[in-house]
Amino acid sequence: MSNPRIFADFQNADPQGRLRLNCIGTIEDLSRSGTKLIDGSKLSIYSEELEADAVVEYSDEEKIWVATIDWDRIREVAEVSTSSID
């Protein structure tokens, strides 16, 4: 089973380098996929052309969910096109 693919803003990191999971795109993806955030759960985080594997944890300092990623293992992904080719 693959990890849920959830939007996150790669420029919205906390001082520890964890991505904050509080933007509208994240909330919409979580709702659409029915994903519940739980400490230690794994996600595939994406933002436009970037993607990374992540582990979820709750930030007691900020009172929000965050995702820990390996910043050296971020992948570039090709843009997905929905148009047909003639």
PDB file of N, CA and C in Angstrom:
ATOM      1  N   MET A   1       0.834  -1.177   0.000  1.00  0.00           N
ATOM      2  CA  MET A   1       0.000   0.000   0.000  1.00  0.00           C
ATOM      3  C   MET A   1       0.884   1.247   0.000  1.00  0.00           C
ATOM      4  N   SER A   2       0.596   2.197  -0.887  1.00  0.00           N
ATOM      5  CA  SER A   2       1.415   3.396  -0.973  1.00  0.00           C
ATOM      6  C   SER A   2       0.962   4.436   0.045  1.00  0.00           C
ATOM      7  N   ASN A   3       1.866   5.337   0.354  1.00  0.00           N
ATOM      8  CA  ASN A   3       1.561   6.398   1.305  1.00  0.00           C
ATOM      9  C   ASN A   3       0.648   7.428   0.647  1.00  0.00           C
ATOM     10  N   PRO A   4      -0.264   8.026   1.421  1.00  0.00           N
ATOM     11  CA  PRO A   4      -1.121   9.071   0.850  1.00  0.00           C
ATOM     12  C   PRO A   4      -0.273  10.227   0.312  1.00  0.00           C
ATOM     13  N   ARG A   5      -0.673  10.774  -0.836  1.00  0.00           N
ATOM     14  CA  ARG A   5       0.039  11.894  -1.457  1.00  0.00           C
ATOM     15  C   ARG A   5      -0.687  13.178  -1.067  1.00  0.00           C
ATOM     16  N   ILE A   6      -0.004  14.021  -0.266  1.00  0.00           N
ATOM     17  CA  ILE A   6      -0.607  15.191   0.334  1.00  0.00           C
ATOM     18  C   ILE A   6       0.215  16.433  -0.015  1.00  0.00           C
ATOM     19  N   PHE A   7      -0.477  17.509  -0.384  1.00  0.00           N
ATOM     20  CA  PHE A   7       0.186  18.777  -0.693  1.00  0.00           C
ATOM     21  C   PHE A   7       0.779  19.392   0.573  1.00  0.00           C
ATOM     22  N   ALA A   8       1.949  20.004   0.436  1.00  0.00           N
ATOM     23  CA  ALA A   8       2.547  20.805   1.506  1.00  0.00           C
ATOM     24  C   ALA A   8       3.419  21.878   0.862  1.00  0.00           C
ATOM     25  N   ASP A   9       3.504  23.013   1.512  1.00  0.00           N
ATOM     26  CA  ASP A   9       4.323  24.120   1.027  1.00  0.00           C
ATOM     27  C   ASP A   9       5.750  23.925   1.536  1.00  0.00           C
ATOM     28  N   PHE A  10       6.684  23.649   0.633  1.00  0.00           N
ATOM     29  CA  PHE A  10       8.071  23.401   1.009  1.00  0.00           C
ATOM     30  C   PHE A  10       8.749  24.651   1.565  1.00  0.00           C
ATOM     31  N   GLN A  11       8.133  25.804   1.431  1.00  0.00           N
ATOM     32  CA  GLN A  11       8.694  27.037   1.989  1.00  0.00           C
ATOM     33  C   GLN A  11       8.086  27.362   3.354  1.00  0.00           C
ATOM     34  N   ASN A  12       7.207  26.508   3.846  1.00  0.00           N
ATOM     35  CA  ASN A  12       6.544  26.723   5.129  1.00  0.00           C
ATOM     36  C   ASN A  12       7.101  25.745   6.162  1.00  0.00           C
ATOM     37  N   ALA A  13       8.411  25.865   6.428  1.00  0.00           N
ATOM     38  CA  ALA A  13       9.078  24.974   7.372  1.00  0.00           C
ATOM     39  C   ALA A  13       9.252  25.667   8.726  1.00  0.00           C
ATOM     40  N   ASP A  14       9.225  24.864   9.772  1.00  0.00           N
ATOM     41  CA  ASP A  14       9.462  25.404  11.112  1.00  0.00           C
ATOM     42  C   ASP A  14      10.975  25.494  11.358  1.00  0.00           C
ATOM     43  N   PRO A  15      11.412  26.020  12.503  1.00  0.00           N
ATOM     44  CA  PRO A  15      12.853  26.154  12.767  1.00  0.00           C
ATOM     45  C   PRO A  15      13.628  24.835  12.747  1.00  0.00           C
ATOM     46  N   GLN A  16      12.940  23.698  12.962  1.00  0.00           N
ATOM     47  CA  GLN A  16      13.602  22.386  12.902  1.00  0.00           C
ATOM     48  C   GLN A  16      13.631  21.817  11.484  1.00  0.00           C
ATOM     49  N   GLY A  17      13.088  22.538  10.501  1.00  0.00           N
ATOM     50  CA  GLY A  17      13.086  22.069   9.121  1.00  0.00           C
ATOM     51  C   GLY A  17      11.925  21.170   8.772  1.00  0.00           C
ATOM     52  N   ARG A  18      10.932  21.058   9.661  1.00  0.00           N
ATOM     53  CA  ARG A  18       9.760  20.233   9.390  1.00  0.00           C
ATOM     54  C   ARG A  18       8.722  21.075   8.652  1.00  0.00           C
ATOM     55  N   LEU A  19       8.042  20.461   7.692  1.00  0.00           N
ATOM     56  CA  LEU A  19       7.020  21.177   6.936  1.00  0.00           C
ATOM     57  C   LEU A  19       5.737  21.257   7.745  1.00  0.00           C
ATOM     58  N   ARG A  20       5.182  22.455   7.842  1.00  0.00           N
ATOM     59  CA  ARG A  20       3.914  22.633   8.552  1.00  0.00           C
ATOM     60  C   ARG A  20       2.779  22.130   7.656  1.00  0.00           C
ATOM     61  N   LEU A  21       1.885  21.356   8.232  1.00  0.00           N
ATOM     62  CA  LEU A  21       0.769  20.772   7.480  1.00  0.00           C
ATOM     63  C   LEU A  21      -0.519  21.548   7.766  1.00  0.00           C
ATOM     64  N   ASN A  22      -0.462  22.857   7.531  1.00  0.00           N
ATOM     65  CA  ASN A  22      -1.606  23.703   7.881  1.00  0.00           C
ATOM     66  C   ASN A  22      -2.116  24.586   6.744  1.00  0.00           C
ATOM     67  N   CYS A  23      -1.628  24.400   5.527  1.00  0.00           N
ATOM     68  CA  CYS A  23      -2.110  25.244   4.431  1.00  0.00           C
ATOM     69  C   CYS A  23      -3.389  24.634   3.822  1.00  0.00           C
ATOM     70  N   ILE A  24      -4.112  25.443   3.083  1.00  0.00           N
ATOM     71  CA  ILE A  24      -5.413  25.026   2.548  1.00  0.00           C
ATOM     72  C   ILE A  24      -5.286  23.814   1.616  1.00  0.00           C
ATOM     73  N   GLY A  25      -4.236  23.758   0.804  1.00  0.00           N
ATOM     74  CA  GLY A  25      -4.041  22.614  -0.092  1.00  0.00           C
ATOM     75  C   GLY A  25      -3.843  21.322   0.681  1.00  0.00           C
ATOM     76  N   THR A  26      -3.139  21.409   1.807  1.00  0.00           N
ATOM     77  CA  THR A  26      -2.931  20.244   2.663  1.00  0.00           C
ATOM     78  C   THR A  26      -4.252  19.776   3.256  1.00  0.00           C
ATOM     79  N   ILE A  27      -4.997  20.717   3.796  1.00  0.00           N
ATOM     80  CA  ILE A  27      -6.283  20.396   4.421  1.00  0.00           C
ATOM     81  C   ILE A  27      -7.235  19.778   3.403  1.00  0.00           C
ATOM     82  N   GLU A  28      -7.261  20.331   2.182  1.00  0.00           N
ATOM     83  CA  GLU A  28      -8.128  19.777   1.129  1.00  0.00           C
ATOM     84  C   GLU A  28      -7.714  18.355   0.764  1.00  0.00           C
ATOM     85  N   ASP A  29      -6.396  18.104   0.599  1.00  0.00           N
ATOM     86  CA  ASP A  29      -5.929  16.763   0.252  1.00  0.00           C
ATOM     87  C   ASP A  29      -6.221  15.763   1.365  1.00  0.00           C
ATOM     88  N   LEU A  30      -6.024  16.175   2.611  1.00  0.00           N
ATOM     89  CA  LEU A  30      -6.315  15.284   3.740  1.00  0.00           C
ATOM     90  C   LEU A  30      -7.796  14.916   3.762  1.00  0.00           C
ATOM     91  N   SER A  31      -8.633  15.907   3.544  1.00  0.00           N
ATOM     92  CA  SER A  31     -10.078  15.666   3.538  1.00  0.00           C
ATOM     93  C   SER A  31     -10.485  14.768   2.381  1.00  0.00           C
ATOM     94  N   ARG A  32      -9.981  15.082   1.180  1.00  0.00           N
ATOM     95  CA  ARG A  32     -10.329  14.325  -0.030  1.00  0.00           C
ATOM     96  C   ARG A  32      -9.910  12.858   0.085  1.00  0.00           C
ATOM     97  N   SER A  33      -8.735  12.616   0.682  1.00  0.00           N
ATOM     98  CA  SER A  33      -8.229  11.247   0.776  1.00  0.00           C
ATOM     99  C   SER A  33      -8.701  10.526   2.031  1.00  0.00           C
ATOM    100  N   GLY A  34      -9.312  11.262   2.966  1.00  0.00           N
ATOM    101  CA  GLY A  34      -9.758  10.653   4.212  1.00  0.00           C
ATOM    102  C   GLY A  34      -8.610  10.289   5.141  1.00  0.00           C
ATOM    103  N   THR A  35      -7.468  10.959   4.966  1.00  0.00           N
ATOM    104  CA  THR A  35      -6.275  10.668   5.758  1.00  0.00           C
ATOM    105  C   THR A  35      -6.343  11.367   7.114  1.00  0.00           C
ATOM    106  N   LYS A  36      -6.141  10.606   8.175  1.00  0.00           N
ATOM    107  CA  LYS A  36      -6.052  11.141   9.537  1.00  0.00           C
ATOM    108  C   LYS A  36      -4.575  11.205   9.919  1.00  0.00           C
ATOM    109  N   LEU A  37      -4.140  12.337  10.438  1.00  0.00           N
ATOM    110  CA  LEU A  37      -2.745  12.478  10.843  1.00  0.00           C
ATOM    111  C   LEU A  37      -2.530  11.841  12.209  1.00  0.00           C
ATOM    112  N   ILE A  38      -1.500  10.980  12.261  1.00  0.00           N
ATOM    113  CA  ILE A  38      -1.144  10.249  13.475  1.00  0.00           C
ATOM    114  C   ILE A  38       0.379  10.287  13.589  1.00  0.00           C
ATOM    115  N   ASP A  39       0.887  10.508  14.805  1.00  0.00           N
ATOM    116  CA  ASP A  39       2.340  10.487  15.007  1.00  0.00           C
ATOM    117  C   ASP A  39       2.943   9.227  14.406  1.00  0.00           C
ATOM    118  N   GLY A  40       3.967   9.419  13.576  1.00  0.00           N
ATOM    119  CA  GLY A  40       4.674   8.295  12.974  1.00  0.00           C
ATOM    120  C   GLY A  40       4.119   7.815  11.652  1.00  0.00           C
ATOM    121  N   SER A  41       2.948   8.330  11.235  1.00  0.00           N
ATOM    122  CA  SER A  41       2.410   7.884   9.948  1.00  0.00           C
ATOM    123  C   SER A  41       3.247   8.467   8.813  1.00  0.00           C
ATOM    124  N   LYS A  42       3.223   7.784   7.674  1.00  0.00           N
ATOM    125  CA  LYS A  42       4.046   8.182   6.529  1.00  0.00           C
ATOM    126  C   LYS A  42       3.171   8.765   5.435  1.00  0.00           C
ATOM    127  N   LEU A  43       3.712   9.814   4.786  1.00  0.00           N
ATOM    128  CA  LEU A  43       3.041  10.475   3.678  1.00  0.00           C
ATOM    129  C   LEU A  43       4.021  10.668   2.545  1.00  0.00           C
ATOM    130  N   SER A  44       3.493  10.892   1.368  1.00  0.00           N
ATOM    131  CA  SER A  44       4.262  11.400   0.245  1.00  0.00           C
ATOM    132  C   SER A  44       3.833  12.857   0.100  1.00  0.00           C
ATOM    133  N   ILE A  45       4.752  13.772   0.348  1.00  0.00           N
ATOM    134  CA  ILE A  45       4.467  15.204   0.325  1.00  0.00           C
ATOM    135  C   ILE A  45       4.850  15.757  -1.043  1.00  0.00           C
ATOM    136  N   TYR A  46       3.984  16.608  -1.612  1.00  0.00           N
ATOM    137  CA  TYR A  46       4.308  17.208  -2.902  1.00  0.00           C
ATOM    138  C   TYR A  46       3.960  18.694  -2.915  1.00  0.00           C
ATOM    139  N   SER A  47       4.608  19.414  -3.815  1.00  0.00           N
ATOM    140  CA  SER A  47       4.324  20.824  -4.046  1.00  0.00           C
ATOM    141  C   SER A  47       4.829  21.175  -5.432  1.00  0.00           C
ATOM    142  N   GLU A  48       3.928  21.381  -6.349  1.00  0.00           N
ATOM    143  CA  GLU A  48       4.250  21.702  -7.737  1.00  0.00           C
ATOM    144  C   GLU A  48       5.241  20.709  -8.318  1.00  0.00           C
ATOM    145  N   GLU A  49       6.538  21.040  -8.422  1.00  0.00           N
ATOM    146  CA  GLU A  49       7.501  20.127  -9.053  1.00  0.00           C
ATOM    147  C   GLU A  49       8.309  19.301  -8.069  1.00  0.00           C
ATOM    148  N   LEU A  50       8.019  19.404  -6.759  1.00  0.00           N
ATOM    149  CA  LEU A  50       8.812  18.704  -5.754  1.00  0.00           C
ATOM    150  C   LEU A  50       7.992  17.643  -5.036  1.00  0.00           C
ATOM    151  N   GLU A  51       8.705  16.622  -4.557  1.00  0.00           N
ATOM    152  CA  GLU A  51       8.056  15.537  -3.824  1.00  0.00           C
ATOM    153  C   GLU A  51       9.070  14.949  -2.842  1.00  0.00           C
ATOM    154  N   ALA A  52       8.592  14.500  -1.688  1.00  0.00           N
ATOM    155  CA  ALA A  52       9.472  13.872  -0.695  1.00  0.00           C
ATOM    156  C   ALA A  52       8.658  12.924   0.174  1.00  0.00           C
ATOM    157  N   ASP A  53       9.338  11.913   0.699  1.00  0.00           N
ATOM    158  CA  ASP A  53       8.721  11.032   1.678  1.00  0.00           C
ATOM    159  C   ASP A  53       8.778  11.738   3.025  1.00  0.00           C
ATOM    160  N   ALA A  54       7.743  11.545   3.840  1.00  0.00           N
ATOM    161  CA  ALA A  54       7.659  12.266   5.099  1.00  0.00           C
ATOM    162  C   ALA A  54       7.111  11.389   6.207  1.00  0.00           C
ATOM    163  N   VAL A  55       7.460  11.766   7.435  1.00  0.00           N
ATOM    164  CA  VAL A  55       6.905  11.139   8.630  1.00  0.00           C
ATOM    165  C   VAL A  55       6.209  12.249   9.423  1.00  0.00           C
ATOM    166  N   VAL A  56       4.979  11.975   9.822  1.00  0.00           N
ATOM    167  CA  VAL A  56       4.140  12.963  10.506  1.00  0.00           C
ATOM    168  C   VAL A  56       4.414  12.965  12.004  1.00  0.00           C
ATOM    169  N   GLU A  57       4.402  14.159  12.592  1.00  0.00           N
ATOM    170  CA  GLU A  57       4.443  14.288  14.042  1.00  0.00           C
ATOM    171  C   GLU A  57       3.705  15.559  14.453  1.00  0.00           C
ATOM    172  N   TYR A  58       3.301  15.600  15.702  1.00  0.00           N
ATOM    173  CA  TYR A  58       2.597  16.774  16.209  1.00  0.00           C
ATOM    174  C   TYR A  58       3.604  17.691  16.878  1.00  0.00           C
ATOM    175  N   SER A  59       3.565  18.971  16.511  1.00  0.00           N
ATOM    176  CA  SER A  59       4.446  19.965  17.113  1.00  0.00           C
ATOM    177  C   SER A  59       3.749  20.545  18.342  1.00  0.00           C
ATOM    178  N   ASP A  60       4.222  20.172  19.513  1.00  0.00           N
ATOM    179  CA  ASP A  60       3.665  20.723  20.749  1.00  0.00           C
ATOM    180  C   ASP A  60       3.936  22.224  20.859  1.00  0.00           C
ATOM    181  N   GLU A  61       5.067  22.672  20.316  1.00  0.00           N
ATOM    182  CA  GLU A  61       5.413  24.090  20.378  1.00  0.00           C
ATOM    183  C   GLU A  61       4.410  24.962  19.623  1.00  0.00           C
ATOM    184  N   GLU A  62       4.050  24.529  18.398  1.00  0.00           N
ATOM    185  CA  GLU A  62       3.160  25.326  17.551  1.00  0.00           C
ATOM    186  C   GLU A  62       1.716  24.829  17.558  1.00  0.00           C
ATOM    187  N   LYS A  63       1.486  23.682  18.163  1.00  0.00           N
ATOM    188  CA  LYS A  63       0.143  23.091  18.225  1.00  0.00           C
ATOM    189  C   LYS A  63      -0.430  22.799  16.834  1.00  0.00           C
ATOM    190  N   ILE A  64       0.437  22.286  15.950  1.00  0.00           N
ATOM    191  CA  ILE A  64       0.019  21.888  14.602  1.00  0.00           C
ATOM    192  C   ILE A  64       0.760  20.600  14.208  1.00  0.00           C
ATOM    193  N   TRP A  65       0.243  19.941  13.177  1.00  0.00           N
ATOM    194  CA  TRP A  65       0.907  18.767  12.612  1.00  0.00           C
ATOM    195  C   TRP A  65       2.009  19.234  11.673  1.00  0.00           C
ATOM    196  N   VAL A  66       3.127  18.500  11.682  1.00  0.00           N
ATOM    197  CA  VAL A  66       4.265  18.795  10.816  1.00  0.00           C
ATOM    198  C   VAL A  66       4.744  17.494  10.176  1.00  0.00           C
ATOM    199  N   ALA A  67       5.541  17.633   9.127  1.00  0.00           N
ATOM    200  CA  ALA A  67       6.096  16.474   8.433  1.00  0.00           C
ATOM    201  C   ALA A  67       7.611  16.596   8.380  1.00  0.00           C
ATOM    202  N   THR A  68       8.286  15.581   8.865  1.00  0.00           N
ATOM    203  CA  THR A  68       9.738  15.530   8.799  1.00  0.00           C
ATOM    204  C   THR A  68      10.132  14.911   7.465  1.00  0.00           C
ATOM    205  N   ILE A  69      10.983  15.618   6.720  1.00  0.00           N
ATOM    206  CA  ILE A  69      11.481  15.103   5.446  1.00  0.00           C
ATOM    207  C   ILE A  69      13.005  15.136   5.461  1.00  0.00           C
ATOM    208  N   ASP A  70      13.601  14.382   4.564  1.00  0.00           N
ATOM    209  CA  ASP A  70      15.045  14.442   4.350  1.00  0.00           C
ATOM    210  C   ASP A  70      15.270  15.438   3.220  1.00  0.00           C
ATOM    211  N   TRP A  71      15.741  16.619   3.560  1.00  0.00           N
ATOM    212  CA  TRP A  71      15.902  17.691   2.570  1.00  0.00           C
ATOM    213  C   TRP A  71      16.890  17.318   1.465  1.00  0.00           C
ATOM    214  N   ASP A  72      17.753  16.345   1.690  1.00  0.00           N
ATOM    215  CA  ASP A  72      18.704  15.902   0.668  1.00  0.00           C
ATOM    216  C   ASP A  72      18.096  14.873  -0.276  1.00  0.00           C
ATOM    217  N   ARG A  73      16.862  14.424   0.007  1.00  0.00           N
ATOM    218  CA  ARG A  73      16.230  13.394  -0.823  1.00  0.00           C
ATOM    219  C   ARG A  73      14.942  13.882  -1.483  1.00  0.00           C
ATOM    220  N   ILE A  74      14.814  15.192  -1.647  1.00  0.00           N
ATOM    221  CA  ILE A  74      13.653  15.744  -2.351  1.00  0.00           C
ATOM    222  C   ILE A  74      13.794  15.391  -3.827  1.00  0.00           C
ATOM    223  N   ARG A  75      12.683  14.962  -4.418  1.00  0.00           N
ATOM    224  CA  ARG A  75      12.678  14.574  -5.829  1.00  0.00           C
ATOM    225  C   ARG A  75      11.960  15.638  -6.662  1.00  0.00           C
ATOM    226  N   GLU A  76      12.460  15.854  -7.863  1.00  0.00           N
ATOM    227  CA  GLU A  76      11.740  16.689  -8.820  1.00  0.00           C
ATOM    228  C   GLU A  76      10.815  15.773  -9.601  1.00  0.00           C
ATOM    229  N   VAL A  77       9.587  16.205  -9.800  1.00  0.00           N
ATOM    230  CA  VAL A  77       8.608  15.407 -10.553  1.00  0.00           C
ATOM    231  C   VAL A  77       8.142  16.199 -11.755  1.00  0.00           C
ATOM    232  N   ALA A  78       7.861  15.470 -12.824  1.00  0.00           N
ATOM    233  CA  ALA A  78       7.376  16.104 -14.038  1.00  0.00           C
ATOM    234  C   ALA A  78       5.948  16.584 -13.820  1.00  0.00           C
ATOM    235  N   GLU A  79       5.591  17.676 -14.479  1.00  0.00           N
ATOM    236  CA  GLU A  79       4.234  18.202 -14.402  1.00  0.00           C
ATOM    237  C   GLU A  79       3.277  17.198 -15.024  1.00  0.00           C
ATOM    238  N   VAL A  80       2.189  16.947 -14.354  1.00  0.00           N
ATOM    239  CA  VAL A  80       1.177  16.010 -14.848  1.00  0.00           C
ATOM    240  C   VAL A  80       0.217  16.776 -15.746  1.00  0.00           C
ATOM    241  N   SER A  81       0.065  16.306 -16.966  1.00  0.00           N
ATOM    242  CA  SER A  81      -0.831  16.962 -17.912  1.00  0.00           C
ATOM    243  C   SER A  81      -2.107  16.149 -18.066  1.00  0.00           C
ATOM    244  N   THR A  82      -3.239  16.844 -18.079  1.00  0.00           N
ATOM    245  CA  THR A  82      -4.516  16.146 -18.251  1.00  0.00           C
ATOM    246  C   THR A  82      -5.034  16.280 -19.675  1.00  0.00           C
ATOM    247  N   SER A  83      -4.327  17.006 -20.528  1.00  0.00           N
ATOM    248  CA  SER A  83      -4.787  17.182 -21.896  1.00  0.00           C
ATOM    249  C   SER A  83      -4.320  15.998 -22.752  1.00  0.00           C
ATOM    250  N   SER A  84      -5.081  15.715 -23.802  1.00  0.00           N
ATOM    251  CA  SER A  84      -4.714  14.614 -24.683  1.00  0.00           C
ATOM    252  C   SER A  84      -3.807  15.111 -25.797  1.00  0.00           C
ATOM    253  N   ILE A  85      -2.978  14.227 -26.288  1.00  0.00           N
ATOM    254  CA  ILE A  85      -2.077  14.553 -27.384  1.00  0.00           C
ATOM    255  C   ILE A  85      -2.677  14.061 -28.684  1.00  0.00           C
ATOM    256  N   ASP A  86      -2.707  14.924 -29.682  1.00  0.00           N
ATOM    257  CA  ASP A  86      -3.274  14.544 -30.986  1.00  0.00           C
ATOM    258  C   ASP A  86      -2.256  13.848 -31.843  1.00  0.00           C
TER     259      ASP A  86
END
